[in-house]
Amino acid sequence: MKDIVKLAIEGDEEAFLSLINNRKEQLYRTAFAYVKNKEDALDIIQDTVYKAYISINTLKEPKYFNTWLTRILINNAISLMKKKNNVVYLKEEVLNNIPITEKNMEEKLDLLYSIDKLEEKLKRVIILKYFNDLTIKEVAMVLEIPEGTVKTYLNKGLSKLRTYMGREIV
């Protein structure tokens, strides 16, 4: 193993790929344990492999490769979780920006509660579209996903909101 790590440090791409392939299941399990979401876990692994590839020459001791790689993975997982937590704070910010009268206060709280129950990807699209008044094209650019995916998430999200709230909402 140390010899393969030394080759990777010297720039051997096949050696690096071999190291990553030997650890891919363990990397996935660790990433998934942090985010509990397949797509996010795969994103974390992708970022980890990229960062490891561009900085492997900084690894001083080949015997610490696994520790070094795991540390990169954990840092990426924590960064992603912090980013997701920023989205959660948006709920409170959105609530404060909605003009609330006694008459519509309960409805808006029900709506925000229902939005909070949505999957994260659906929640993001609904919030960007209806609370930030972005077009579908703008939502696609912000989330870096195709417009068709935005439309799909929007339809699924609205359908689930209708179910949760028991009435037409948009």
N, C-alpha and C. Protein backbone atom coordinates (compact mmCIF):
# COMPACT_ATOMS: atom_id res chain seq x y z
N MET A 1 0.83 -1.20 0.00
CA MET A 1 0.00 0.00 0.00
C MET A 1 0.88 1.26 0.00
N LYS A 2 1.91 1.27 0.83
CA LYS A 2 2.78 2.44 0.91
C LYS A 2 3.41 2.76 -0.44
N ASP A 3 3.76 1.70 -1.17
CA ASP A 3 4.38 1.90 -2.48
C ASP A 3 3.41 2.55 -3.46
N ILE A 4 2.16 2.14 -3.41
CA ILE A 4 1.14 2.71 -4.30
C ILE A 4 0.91 4.18 -3.93
N VAL A 5 0.88 4.48 -2.65
CA VAL A 5 0.71 5.86 -2.19
C VAL A 5 1.88 6.71 -2.66
N LYS A 6 3.10 6.17 -2.56
CA LYS A 6 4.28 6.91 -3.02
C LYS A 6 4.19 7.22 -4.51
N LEU A 7 3.72 6.23 -5.28
CA LEU A 7 3.53 6.45 -6.72
C LEU A 7 2.50 7.55 -6.98
N ALA A 8 1.43 7.51 -6.22
CA ALA A 8 0.38 8.52 -6.39
C ALA A 8 0.92 9.91 -6.03
N ILE A 9 1.71 9.99 -4.98
CA ILE A 9 2.30 11.28 -4.58
C ILE A 9 3.20 11.80 -5.69
N GLU A 10 3.87 10.91 -6.38
CA GLU A 10 4.77 11.30 -7.47
C GLU A 10 4.02 11.63 -8.76
N GLY A 11 2.68 11.46 -8.75
CA GLY A 11 1.88 11.86 -9.91
C GLY A 11 1.32 10.73 -10.74
N ASP A 12 1.45 9.49 -10.30
CA ASP A 12 0.91 8.35 -11.03
C ASP A 12 -0.61 8.30 -10.84
N GLU A 13 -1.34 8.62 -11.92
CA GLU A 13 -2.81 8.67 -11.84
C GLU A 13 -3.42 7.30 -11.60
N GLU A 14 -2.84 6.26 -12.22
CA GLU A 14 -3.39 4.91 -12.01
C GLU A 14 -3.24 4.47 -10.56
N ALA A 15 -2.14 4.83 -9.94
CA ALA A 15 -1.94 4.49 -8.53
C ALA A 15 -2.97 5.22 -7.68
N PHE A 16 -3.22 6.48 -7.99
CA PHE A 16 -4.22 7.26 -7.24
C PHE A 16 -5.61 6.63 -7.40
N LEU A 17 -5.97 6.29 -8.63
CA LEU A 17 -7.27 5.67 -8.88
C LEU A 17 -7.39 4.33 -8.16
N SER A 18 -6.33 3.58 -8.10
CA SER A 18 -6.33 2.32 -7.38
C SER A 18 -6.61 2.54 -5.89
N LEU A 19 -5.96 3.53 -5.32
CA LEU A 19 -6.18 3.85 -3.91
C LEU A 19 -7.63 4.24 -3.64
N ILE A 20 -8.18 5.06 -4.51
CA ILE A 20 -9.56 5.52 -4.35
C ILE A 20 -10.53 4.35 -4.53
N ASN A 21 -10.29 3.52 -5.53
CA ASN A 21 -11.17 2.36 -5.76
C ASN A 21 -11.17 1.40 -4.59
N ASN A 22 -10.03 1.26 -3.93
CA ASN A 22 -9.96 0.39 -2.76
C ASN A 22 -10.74 0.96 -1.58
N ARG A 23 -10.95 2.25 -1.55
CA ARG A 23 -11.59 2.90 -0.41
C ARG A 23 -12.99 3.42 -0.70
N LYS A 24 -13.48 3.25 -1.91
CA LYS A 24 -14.73 3.91 -2.30
C LYS A 24 -15.92 3.51 -1.44
N GLU A 25 -16.04 2.25 -1.06
CA GLU A 25 -17.17 1.83 -0.23
C GLU A 25 -17.08 2.44 1.17
N GLN A 26 -15.89 2.45 1.72
CA GLN A 26 -15.70 3.04 3.05
C GLN A 26 -15.97 4.55 3.00
N LEU A 27 -15.53 5.21 1.93
CA LEU A 27 -15.79 6.64 1.78
C LEU A 27 -17.29 6.90 1.71
N TYR A 28 -18.00 6.07 0.94
CA TYR A 28 -19.44 6.26 0.82
C TYR A 28 -20.15 6.07 2.16
N ARG A 29 -19.79 5.01 2.88
CA ARG A 29 -20.42 4.75 4.17
C ARG A 29 -20.20 5.92 5.14
N THR A 30 -18.99 6.45 5.14
CA THR A 30 -18.68 7.56 6.04
C THR A 30 -19.47 8.81 5.64
N ALA A 31 -19.48 9.12 4.35
CA ALA A 31 -20.21 10.30 3.88
C ALA A 31 -21.70 10.15 4.16
N PHE A 32 -22.24 8.97 3.91
CA PHE A 32 -23.66 8.74 4.12
C PHE A 32 -24.02 8.86 5.60
N ALA A 33 -23.13 8.42 6.46
CA ALA A 33 -23.38 8.52 7.90
C ALA A 33 -23.52 9.98 8.33
N TYR A 34 -22.83 10.87 7.66
CA TYR A 34 -22.92 12.29 7.99
C TYR A 34 -24.20 12.92 7.45
N VAL A 35 -24.51 12.68 6.18
CA VAL A 35 -25.60 13.43 5.54
C VAL A 35 -26.89 12.63 5.37
N LYS A 36 -26.82 11.31 5.49
CA LYS A 36 -28.00 10.43 5.39
C LYS A 36 -28.79 10.65 4.10
N ASN A 37 -28.05 10.85 3.02
CA ASN A 37 -28.66 11.15 1.74
C ASN A 37 -27.70 10.70 0.65
N LYS A 38 -28.17 9.87 -0.26
CA LYS A 38 -27.30 9.30 -1.30
C LYS A 38 -26.65 10.37 -2.17
N GLU A 39 -27.45 11.32 -2.65
CA GLU A 39 -26.93 12.34 -3.57
C GLU A 39 -25.87 13.20 -2.89
N ASP A 40 -26.14 13.62 -1.67
CA ASP A 40 -25.17 14.43 -0.94
C ASP A 40 -23.91 13.64 -0.63
N ALA A 41 -24.06 12.38 -0.28
CA ALA A 41 -22.90 11.53 0.01
C ALA A 41 -22.02 11.41 -1.23
N LEU A 42 -22.65 11.22 -2.38
CA LEU A 42 -21.88 11.12 -3.63
C LEU A 42 -21.20 12.44 -3.97
N ASP A 43 -21.87 13.56 -3.71
CA ASP A 43 -21.25 14.87 -3.93
C ASP A 43 -20.03 15.05 -3.03
N ILE A 44 -20.16 14.62 -1.79
CA ILE A 44 -19.05 14.73 -0.85
C ILE A 44 -17.87 13.89 -1.33
N ILE A 45 -18.15 12.68 -1.80
CA ILE A 45 -17.07 11.82 -2.31
C ILE A 45 -16.40 12.46 -3.52
N GLN A 46 -17.19 13.03 -4.41
CA GLN A 46 -16.63 13.67 -5.59
C GLN A 46 -15.70 14.81 -5.19
N ASP A 47 -16.14 15.65 -4.27
CA ASP A 47 -15.30 16.75 -3.80
C ASP A 47 -14.05 16.23 -3.11
N THR A 48 -14.19 15.16 -2.35
CA THR A 48 -13.06 14.59 -1.63
C THR A 48 -12.01 14.06 -2.60
N VAL A 49 -12.44 13.32 -3.60
CA VAL A 49 -11.51 12.76 -4.58
C VAL A 49 -10.80 13.89 -5.32
N TYR A 50 -11.53 14.91 -5.69
CA TYR A 50 -10.93 16.05 -6.38
C TYR A 50 -9.87 16.73 -5.50
N LYS A 51 -10.23 17.04 -4.27
CA LYS A 51 -9.30 17.72 -3.38
C LYS A 51 -8.08 16.85 -3.07
N ALA A 52 -8.32 15.56 -2.91
CA ALA A 52 -7.20 14.65 -2.65
C ALA A 52 -6.28 14.58 -3.86
N TYR A 53 -6.86 14.54 -5.05
CA TYR A 53 -6.07 14.44 -6.28
C TYR A 53 -5.18 15.67 -6.46
N ILE A 54 -5.75 16.85 -6.23
CA ILE A 54 -4.95 18.05 -6.48
C ILE A 54 -3.94 18.34 -5.37
N SER A 55 -4.11 17.70 -4.21
CA SER A 55 -3.19 18.00 -3.11
C SER A 55 -2.44 16.78 -2.58
N ILE A 56 -2.46 15.68 -3.31
CA ILE A 56 -1.79 14.47 -2.80
C ILE A 56 -0.29 14.69 -2.63
N ASN A 57 0.28 15.60 -3.42
CA ASN A 57 1.71 15.85 -3.30
C ASN A 57 2.08 16.51 -1.97
N THR A 58 1.08 16.97 -1.21
CA THR A 58 1.35 17.57 0.10
C THR A 58 1.38 16.52 1.22
N LEU A 59 0.98 15.29 0.91
CA LEU A 59 0.97 14.23 1.90
C LEU A 59 2.42 13.83 2.20
N LYS A 60 2.82 13.98 3.45
CA LYS A 60 4.21 13.75 3.85
C LYS A 60 4.48 12.26 4.12
N GLU A 61 3.58 11.61 4.82
CA GLU A 61 3.76 10.21 5.21
C GLU A 61 2.75 9.31 4.49
N PRO A 62 3.19 8.47 3.58
CA PRO A 62 2.27 7.58 2.87
C PRO A 62 1.42 6.69 3.78
N LYS A 63 1.95 6.33 4.97
CA LYS A 63 1.19 5.45 5.86
C LYS A 63 -0.07 6.13 6.40
N TYR A 64 -0.14 7.46 6.30
CA TYR A 64 -1.31 8.19 6.79
C TYR A 64 -2.31 8.54 5.68
N PHE A 65 -2.17 7.91 4.54
CA PHE A 65 -3.07 8.22 3.42
C PHE A 65 -4.54 8.06 3.79
N ASN A 66 -4.89 6.93 4.39
CA ASN A 66 -6.29 6.68 4.74
C ASN A 66 -6.82 7.72 5.71
N THR A 67 -6.03 8.07 6.70
CA THR A 67 -6.43 9.09 7.67
C THR A 67 -6.59 10.44 6.98
N TRP A 68 -5.64 10.77 6.15
CA TRP A 68 -5.65 12.04 5.41
C TRP A 68 -6.89 12.13 4.52
N LEU A 69 -7.18 11.07 3.78
CA LEU A 69 -8.34 11.05 2.89
C LEU A 69 -9.64 11.14 3.68
N THR A 70 -9.72 10.43 4.79
CA THR A 70 -10.92 10.47 5.63
C THR A 70 -11.12 11.86 6.21
N ARG A 71 -10.06 12.52 6.59
CA ARG A 71 -10.15 13.88 7.13
C ARG A 71 -10.71 14.84 6.08
N ILE A 72 -10.25 14.70 4.85
CA ILE A 72 -10.78 15.52 3.75
C ILE A 72 -12.27 15.27 3.59
N LEU A 73 -12.65 13.99 3.62
CA LEU A 73 -14.06 13.62 3.47
C LEU A 73 -14.91 14.22 4.59
N ILE A 74 -14.44 14.11 5.81
CA ILE A 74 -15.20 14.63 6.95
C ILE A 74 -15.33 16.15 6.86
N ASN A 75 -14.26 16.83 6.48
CA ASN A 75 -14.32 18.29 6.32
C ASN A 75 -15.33 18.67 5.23
N ASN A 76 -15.35 17.92 4.14
CA ASN A 76 -16.33 18.19 3.09
C ASN A 76 -17.76 17.93 3.57
N ALA A 77 -17.95 16.88 4.34
CA ALA A 77 -19.28 16.56 4.87
C ALA A 77 -19.75 17.67 5.81
N ILE A 78 -18.87 18.13 6.68
CA ILE A 78 -19.22 19.20 7.62
C ILE A 78 -19.53 20.49 6.86
N SER A 79 -18.76 20.79 5.83
CA SER A 79 -19.03 21.99 5.03
C SER A 79 -20.40 21.92 4.37
N LEU A 80 -20.73 20.75 3.82
CA LEU A 80 -22.04 20.59 3.17
C LEU A 80 -23.16 20.72 4.19
N MET A 81 -22.97 20.15 5.37
CA MET A 81 -24.01 20.24 6.40
C MET A 81 -24.19 21.69 6.85
N LYS A 82 -23.12 22.45 6.93
CA LYS A 82 -23.23 23.86 7.29
C LYS A 82 -24.00 24.62 6.23
N LYS A 83 -23.72 24.31 4.96
CA LYS A 83 -24.46 24.96 3.87
C LYS A 83 -25.94 24.63 3.97
N LYS A 84 -26.26 23.38 4.25
CA LYS A 84 -27.66 22.98 4.38
C LYS A 84 -28.31 23.65 5.57
N ASN A 85 -27.57 23.83 6.63
CA ASN A 85 -28.12 24.52 7.80
C ASN A 85 -28.43 25.97 7.47
N ASN A 86 -27.67 26.57 6.58
CA ASN A 86 -27.98 27.94 6.16
C ASN A 86 -29.33 28.00 5.47
N VAL A 87 -29.68 26.96 4.75
CA VAL A 87 -30.99 26.91 4.11
C VAL A 87 -32.08 26.82 5.17
N VAL A 88 -31.83 26.09 6.23
CA VAL A 88 -32.81 25.97 7.30
C VAL A 88 -33.07 27.33 7.94
N TYR A 89 -32.04 28.14 8.12
CA TYR A 89 -32.22 29.45 8.70
C TYR A 89 -33.09 30.34 7.82
N LEU A 90 -33.14 30.05 6.55
CA LEU A 90 -33.95 30.83 5.64
C LEU A 90 -35.42 30.78 6.04
N LYS A 91 -35.86 29.67 6.62
CA LYS A 91 -37.27 29.57 7.01
C LYS A 91 -37.63 30.69 7.98
N GLU A 92 -36.79 30.94 8.94
CA GLU A 92 -37.06 31.97 9.92
C GLU A 92 -37.01 33.35 9.26
N GLU A 93 -36.05 33.51 8.37
CA GLU A 93 -35.92 34.78 7.65
C GLU A 93 -37.14 35.03 6.76
N VAL A 94 -37.58 33.99 6.09
CA VAL A 94 -38.77 34.10 5.24
C VAL A 94 -39.98 34.45 6.08
N LEU A 95 -40.12 33.79 7.22
CA LEU A 95 -41.24 34.05 8.10
C LEU A 95 -41.25 35.51 8.55
N ASN A 96 -40.10 36.06 8.86
CA ASN A 96 -40.02 37.45 9.29
C ASN A 96 -40.33 38.44 8.18
N ASN A 97 -40.11 38.04 6.92
CA ASN A 97 -40.35 38.94 5.79
C ASN A 97 -41.77 38.87 5.25
N ILE A 98 -42.57 37.95 5.74
CA ILE A 98 -43.95 37.84 5.28
C ILE A 98 -44.82 38.75 6.14
N PRO A 99 -45.53 39.69 5.50
CA PRO A 99 -46.42 40.52 6.31
C PRO A 99 -47.55 39.65 6.86
N ILE A 100 -47.67 39.63 8.18
CA ILE A 100 -48.64 38.73 8.80
C ILE A 100 -49.72 39.54 9.52
N THR A 101 -50.95 39.21 9.19
CA THR A 101 -52.08 39.76 9.93
C THR A 101 -52.66 38.61 10.74
N GLU A 102 -53.47 38.92 11.70
CA GLU A 102 -54.04 37.85 12.52
C GLU A 102 -54.83 36.87 11.67
N LYS A 103 -55.49 37.41 10.62
CA LYS A 103 -56.35 36.58 9.79
C LYS A 103 -55.56 35.52 9.02
N ASN A 104 -54.40 35.90 8.47
CA ASN A 104 -53.67 34.94 7.64
C ASN A 104 -52.47 34.31 8.35
N MET A 105 -52.25 34.65 9.60
CA MET A 105 -51.10 34.14 10.33
C MET A 105 -51.12 32.62 10.43
N GLU A 106 -52.23 32.04 10.77
CA GLU A 106 -52.33 30.59 10.92
C GLU A 106 -52.07 29.88 9.59
N GLU A 107 -52.62 30.43 8.50
CA GLU A 107 -52.41 29.84 7.18
C GLU A 107 -50.94 29.85 6.81
N LYS A 108 -50.26 30.96 7.05
CA LYS A 108 -48.85 31.07 6.69
C LYS A 108 -48.00 30.13 7.54
N LEU A 109 -48.34 30.00 8.80
CA LEU A 109 -47.59 29.07 9.65
C LEU A 109 -47.81 27.64 9.20
N ASP A 110 -49.05 27.31 8.80
CA ASP A 110 -49.34 25.98 8.27
C ASP A 110 -48.54 25.72 7.00
N LEU A 111 -48.48 26.73 6.14
CA LEU A 111 -47.73 26.60 4.89
C LEU A 111 -46.25 26.38 5.18
N LEU A 112 -45.67 27.18 6.06
CA LEU A 112 -44.25 27.02 6.38
C LEU A 112 -43.98 25.67 7.03
N TYR A 113 -44.87 25.22 7.88
CA TYR A 113 -44.72 23.91 8.50
C TYR A 113 -44.77 22.82 7.43
N SER A 114 -45.69 22.95 6.49
CA SER A 114 -45.83 21.96 5.42
C SER A 114 -44.60 21.98 4.51
N ILE A 115 -44.09 23.15 4.21
CA ILE A 115 -42.88 23.25 3.38
C ILE A 115 -41.72 22.58 4.08
N ASP A 116 -41.64 22.74 5.38
CA ASP A 116 -40.55 22.14 6.14
C ASP A 116 -40.58 20.62 6.09
N LYS A 117 -41.74 20.01 5.85
CA LYS A 117 -41.86 18.56 5.78
C LYS A 117 -41.39 18.01 4.43
N LEU A 118 -41.21 18.88 3.43
CA LEU A 118 -40.80 18.43 2.10
C LEU A 118 -39.35 17.96 2.10
N GLU A 119 -39.02 17.12 1.11
CA GLU A 119 -37.62 16.75 0.89
C GLU A 119 -36.84 18.04 0.62
N GLU A 120 -35.57 18.03 0.96
CA GLU A 120 -34.73 19.23 0.84
C GLU A 120 -34.74 19.80 -0.58
N LYS A 121 -34.63 18.95 -1.60
CA LYS A 121 -34.56 19.44 -2.98
C LYS A 121 -35.88 20.11 -3.38
N LEU A 122 -37.01 19.57 -2.94
CA LEU A 122 -38.30 20.17 -3.26
C LEU A 122 -38.48 21.47 -2.49
N LYS A 123 -38.05 21.47 -1.24
CA LYS A 123 -38.17 22.66 -0.38
C LYS A 123 -37.39 23.82 -0.99
N ARG A 124 -36.16 23.55 -1.45
CA ARG A 124 -35.33 24.61 -2.03
C ARG A 124 -36.00 25.24 -3.24
N VAL A 125 -36.56 24.41 -4.12
CA VAL A 125 -37.21 24.92 -5.33
C VAL A 125 -38.44 25.77 -4.97
N ILE A 126 -39.27 25.28 -4.05
CA ILE A 126 -40.47 26.03 -3.63
C ILE A 126 -40.08 27.38 -3.02
N ILE A 127 -39.09 27.37 -2.15
CA ILE A 127 -38.68 28.63 -1.49
C ILE A 127 -38.12 29.61 -2.50
N LEU A 128 -37.25 29.13 -3.40
CA LEU A 128 -36.67 30.05 -4.39
C LEU A 128 -37.74 30.60 -5.33
N LYS A 129 -38.67 29.74 -5.74
CA LYS A 129 -39.70 30.16 -6.71
C LYS A 129 -40.72 31.09 -6.07
N TYR A 130 -41.25 30.73 -4.93
CA TYR A 130 -42.38 31.48 -4.38
C TYR A 130 -42.02 32.48 -3.29
N PHE A 131 -40.95 32.26 -2.57
CA PHE A 131 -40.58 33.20 -1.52
C PHE A 131 -39.54 34.21 -2.00
N ASN A 132 -38.73 33.80 -2.99
CA ASN A 132 -37.73 34.71 -3.54
C ASN A 132 -38.12 35.24 -4.91
N ASP A 133 -39.29 34.83 -5.41
CA ASP A 133 -39.82 35.28 -6.70
C ASP A 133 -38.86 35.10 -7.86
N LEU A 134 -38.18 33.98 -7.91
CA LEU A 134 -37.29 33.68 -9.02
C LEU A 134 -38.05 32.94 -10.11
N THR A 135 -37.63 33.13 -11.34
CA THR A 135 -38.21 32.38 -12.45
C THR A 135 -37.64 30.96 -12.42
N ILE A 136 -38.24 30.08 -13.19
CA ILE A 136 -37.75 28.70 -13.26
C ILE A 136 -36.31 28.69 -13.76
N LYS A 137 -36.02 29.52 -14.74
CA LYS A 137 -34.66 29.60 -15.27
C LYS A 137 -33.68 30.06 -14.20
N GLU A 138 -34.07 31.05 -13.40
CA GLU A 138 -33.20 31.55 -12.33
C GLU A 138 -33.00 30.51 -11.25
N VAL A 139 -34.06 29.78 -10.91
CA VAL A 139 -33.95 28.71 -9.91
C VAL A 139 -32.97 27.65 -10.40
N ALA A 140 -33.07 27.30 -11.68
CA ALA A 140 -32.17 26.31 -12.28
C ALA A 140 -30.71 26.78 -12.19
N MET A 141 -30.49 28.05 -12.44
CA MET A 141 -29.13 28.58 -12.37
C MET A 141 -28.61 28.59 -10.94
N VAL A 142 -29.44 28.98 -9.99
CA VAL A 142 -29.01 29.02 -8.59
C VAL A 142 -28.67 27.63 -8.08
N LEU A 143 -29.50 26.66 -8.39
CA LEU A 143 -29.31 25.29 -7.90
C LEU A 143 -28.41 24.46 -8.80
N GLU A 144 -28.06 25.01 -9.96
CA GLU A 144 -27.22 24.33 -10.94
C GLU A 144 -27.80 22.98 -11.35
N ILE A 145 -29.10 23.02 -11.69
CA ILE A 145 -29.80 21.85 -12.20
C ILE A 145 -30.57 22.27 -13.45
N PRO A 146 -30.95 21.32 -14.31
CA PRO A 146 -31.70 21.66 -15.52
C PRO A 146 -33.08 22.24 -15.20
N GLU A 147 -33.59 23.08 -16.10
CA GLU A 147 -34.92 23.68 -15.92
C GLU A 147 -35.99 22.60 -15.81
N GLY A 148 -35.86 21.54 -16.57
CA GLY A 148 -36.83 20.44 -16.50
C GLY A 148 -36.88 19.82 -15.11
N THR A 149 -35.73 19.72 -14.48
CA THR A 149 -35.68 19.17 -13.12
C THR A 149 -36.36 20.13 -12.15
N VAL A 150 -36.16 21.43 -12.36
CA VAL A 150 -36.82 22.42 -11.50
C VAL A 150 -38.33 22.27 -11.62
N LYS A 151 -38.82 22.13 -12.85
CA LYS A 151 -40.26 21.98 -13.07
C LYS A 151 -40.78 20.71 -12.40
N THR A 152 -40.03 19.62 -12.51
CA THR A 152 -40.43 18.37 -11.88
C THR A 152 -40.49 18.52 -10.36
N TYR A 153 -39.44 19.11 -9.78
CA TYR A 153 -39.41 19.31 -8.33
C TYR A 153 -40.54 20.23 -7.88
N LEU A 154 -40.81 21.25 -8.69
CA LEU A 154 -41.88 22.19 -8.37
C LEU A 154 -43.23 21.48 -8.35
N ASN A 155 -43.49 20.68 -9.37
CA ASN A 155 -44.76 19.94 -9.43
C ASN A 155 -44.88 18.95 -8.27
N LYS A 156 -43.81 18.21 -8.00
CA LYS A 156 -43.84 17.26 -6.89
C LYS A 156 -44.04 17.98 -5.56
N GLY A 157 -43.33 19.08 -5.38
CA GLY A 157 -43.43 19.83 -4.13
C GLY A 157 -44.83 20.39 -3.92
N LEU A 158 -45.40 20.98 -4.96
CA LEU A 158 -46.74 21.55 -4.84
C LEU A 158 -47.77 20.45 -4.60
N SER A 159 -47.58 19.32 -5.26
CA SER A 159 -48.51 18.19 -5.06
C SER A 159 -48.46 17.71 -3.60
N LYS A 160 -47.25 17.59 -3.06
CA LYS A 160 -47.13 17.16 -1.66
C LYS A 160 -47.69 18.21 -0.71
N LEU A 161 -47.48 19.49 -1.03
CA LEU A 161 -48.03 20.54 -0.18
C LEU A 161 -49.56 20.50 -0.18
N ARG A 162 -50.15 20.25 -1.34
CA ARG A 162 -51.61 20.12 -1.42
C ARG A 162 -52.09 18.98 -0.53
N THR A 163 -51.36 17.89 -0.55
CA THR A 163 -51.72 16.74 0.28
C THR A 163 -51.59 17.09 1.76
N TYR A 164 -50.48 17.70 2.12
CA TYR A 164 -50.26 18.06 3.52
C TYR A 164 -51.30 19.04 4.04
N MET A 165 -51.66 20.01 3.19
CA MET A 165 -52.54 21.08 3.64
C MET A 165 -54.01 20.78 3.36
N GLY A 166 -54.28 19.81 2.49
CA GLY A 166 -55.64 19.40 2.22
C GLY A 166 -56.42 20.40 1.38
N ARG A 167 -55.70 21.29 0.65
CA ARG A 167 -56.38 22.24 -0.21
C ARG A 167 -55.41 22.81 -1.25
N GLU A 168 -55.96 23.54 -2.19
CA GLU A 168 -55.17 24.20 -3.23
C GLU A 168 -54.40 25.36 -2.61
N ILE A 169 -53.11 25.46 -2.93
CA ILE A 169 -52.32 26.51 -2.33
C ILE A 169 -51.77 27.51 -3.34
N VAL A 170 -51.58 27.08 -4.57
CA VAL A 170 -51.04 28.00 -5.58
C VAL A 170 -51.92 27.94 -6.80
